Amino acid sequence: MSAIARSFTRSAFRNPSIQLRRGGHAEGYNQPTGYLFGEKPLPAGAKRVKEDWEPMFFYGFMGSMVFGTAVIYYKPDTNVHTWAYREAKARMEARGEPVEYKKQE
């Protein structure tokens, strides 16, 4: 290996300012304040100002839930029992047999 290649491969190990440092001993969590989500209650008559991402998240989430519900509700029936019932009904009609069963008394 050439001297230039060695200098590029080992340069990060020699220079501590380039090395990636992980970990640390900084404070890792917010102290509890007693308020929900850390927001102080608003004075009477004041309205909460929403952040920019909140309406987009709300309408995007609710829109996808409505769309997903409609897709699940209107999806085609692919159950094997439904297929077998339709197939048996078609074969019985082709043979001329009665498809509906009569009540016995």
Protein backbone atom coordinates (compact mmCIF):
# COMPACT_ATOMS: atom_id res chain seq x y z
CA MET A 1 0.00 0.00 0.00
CA SER A 2 1.35 3.40 -0.88
CA ALA A 3 2.14 6.06 1.67
CA ILE A 4 -0.68 8.26 0.38
CA ALA A 5 -3.27 5.52 0.77
CA ARG A 6 -2.05 4.80 4.29
CA SER A 7 -2.31 8.45 5.24
CA PHE A 8 -5.95 8.60 4.07
CA THR A 9 -7.00 5.41 5.81
CA ARG A 10 -5.38 6.23 9.13
CA SER A 11 -5.89 9.97 9.26
CA ALA A 12 -9.16 9.69 11.17
CA PHE A 13 -7.53 7.52 13.80
CA ARG A 14 -4.67 9.94 14.35
CA ASN A 15 -6.68 13.16 14.55
CA PRO A 16 -9.03 13.00 17.56
CA SER A 17 -11.06 16.00 16.36
CA ILE A 18 -12.24 14.01 13.30
CA GLN A 19 -13.24 10.93 15.27
CA LEU A 20 -16.90 10.32 15.94
CA ARG A 21 -17.61 10.47 19.62
CA ARG A 22 -20.60 8.61 20.95
CA GLY A 23 -22.15 8.62 24.34
CA GLY A 24 -21.78 11.41 26.75
CA HIS A 25 -22.96 12.34 30.15
CA ALA A 26 -25.40 15.12 29.40
CA GLU A 27 -28.84 15.24 31.00
CA GLY A 28 -30.89 12.68 29.11
CA TYR A 29 -34.49 13.55 29.92
CA ASN A 30 -36.70 16.45 30.84
CA GLN A 31 -37.64 16.80 34.46
CA PRO A 32 -41.37 16.37 35.12
CA THR A 33 -43.24 19.67 35.44
CA GLY A 34 -46.69 18.36 36.30
CA TYR A 35 -48.21 19.72 33.07
CA LEU A 36 -49.50 17.58 30.22
CA PHE A 37 -46.83 17.52 27.46
CA GLY A 38 -44.97 20.22 29.38
CA GLU A 39 -47.46 22.93 28.33
CA LYS A 40 -48.75 25.28 30.98
CA PRO A 41 -52.52 25.86 31.08
CA LEU A 42 -53.69 28.88 29.12
CA PRO A 43 -55.40 31.79 30.80
CA ALA A 44 -59.19 31.96 30.54
CA GLY A 45 -60.42 32.92 27.07
CA ALA A 46 -57.08 32.32 25.31
CA LYS A 47 -56.84 29.87 22.41
CA ARG A 48 -53.94 27.50 21.96
CA VAL A 49 -51.80 28.22 18.89
CA LYS A 50 -51.18 25.05 16.91
CA GLU A 51 -47.77 24.30 15.52
CA ASP A 52 -47.28 24.00 11.75
CA TRP A 53 -47.16 20.19 11.70
CA GLU A 54 -50.29 19.54 13.78
CA PRO A 55 -53.07 20.13 11.19
CA MET A 56 -51.13 18.24 8.52
CA PHE A 57 -50.65 15.28 10.86
CA PHE A 58 -54.28 15.32 12.02
CA TYR A 59 -55.85 15.52 8.55
CA GLY A 60 -53.32 13.14 7.05
CA PHE A 61 -53.85 10.57 9.78
CA MET A 62 -57.64 10.85 9.76
CA GLY A 63 -57.77 10.84 5.96
CA SER A 64 -55.71 7.67 5.79
CA MET A 65 -57.92 6.05 8.44
CA VAL A 66 -61.08 6.88 6.47
CA PHE A 67 -59.50 5.67 3.23
CA GLY A 68 -58.30 2.45 4.87
CA THR A 69 -61.73 1.80 6.37
CA ALA A 70 -63.41 2.27 2.97
CA VAL A 71 -60.90 -0.06 1.29
CA ILE A 72 -61.45 -2.78 3.87
CA TYR A 73 -65.24 -2.38 3.76
CA TYR A 74 -65.49 -2.55 -0.05
CA LYS A 75 -62.80 -5.14 -0.72
CA PRO A 76 -63.91 -8.18 -2.75
CA ASP A 77 -64.94 -11.31 -0.91
CA THR A 78 -62.16 -13.87 -1.40
CA ASN A 79 -63.28 -16.34 1.24
CA VAL A 80 -63.03 -20.00 0.19
CA HIS A 81 -66.46 -20.77 1.69
CA THR A 82 -68.15 -18.10 -0.44
CA TRP A 83 -66.42 -19.43 -3.55
CA ALA A 84 -67.45 -23.02 -2.74
CA TYR A 85 -71.07 -21.95 -2.16
CA ARG A 86 -71.25 -20.14 -5.50
CA GLU A 87 -69.59 -23.03 -7.32
CA ALA A 88 -71.95 -25.61 -5.77
CA LYS A 89 -74.97 -23.42 -6.56
CA ALA A 90 -73.88 -23.06 -10.21
CA ARG A 91 -73.31 -26.83 -10.58
CA MET A 92 -76.67 -27.66 -8.98
CA GLU A 93 -78.45 -25.22 -11.31
CA ALA A 94 -76.63 -26.75 -14.31
CA ARG A 95 -77.87 -30.23 -13.32
CA GLY A 96 -81.41 -28.95 -12.77
CA GLU A 97 -81.49 -29.73 -9.04
CA PRO A 98 -83.32 -27.41 -6.65
CA VAL A 99 -80.92 -24.97 -5.07
CA GLU A 100 -83.11 -23.87 -2.18
CA TYR A 101 -83.97 -26.31 0.54
CA LYS A 102 -87.61 -26.55 1.63
CA LYS A 103 -88.61 -26.45 5.25
CA GLN A 104 -89.71 -29.83 6.58
CA GLU A 105 -92.63 -29.88 8.97
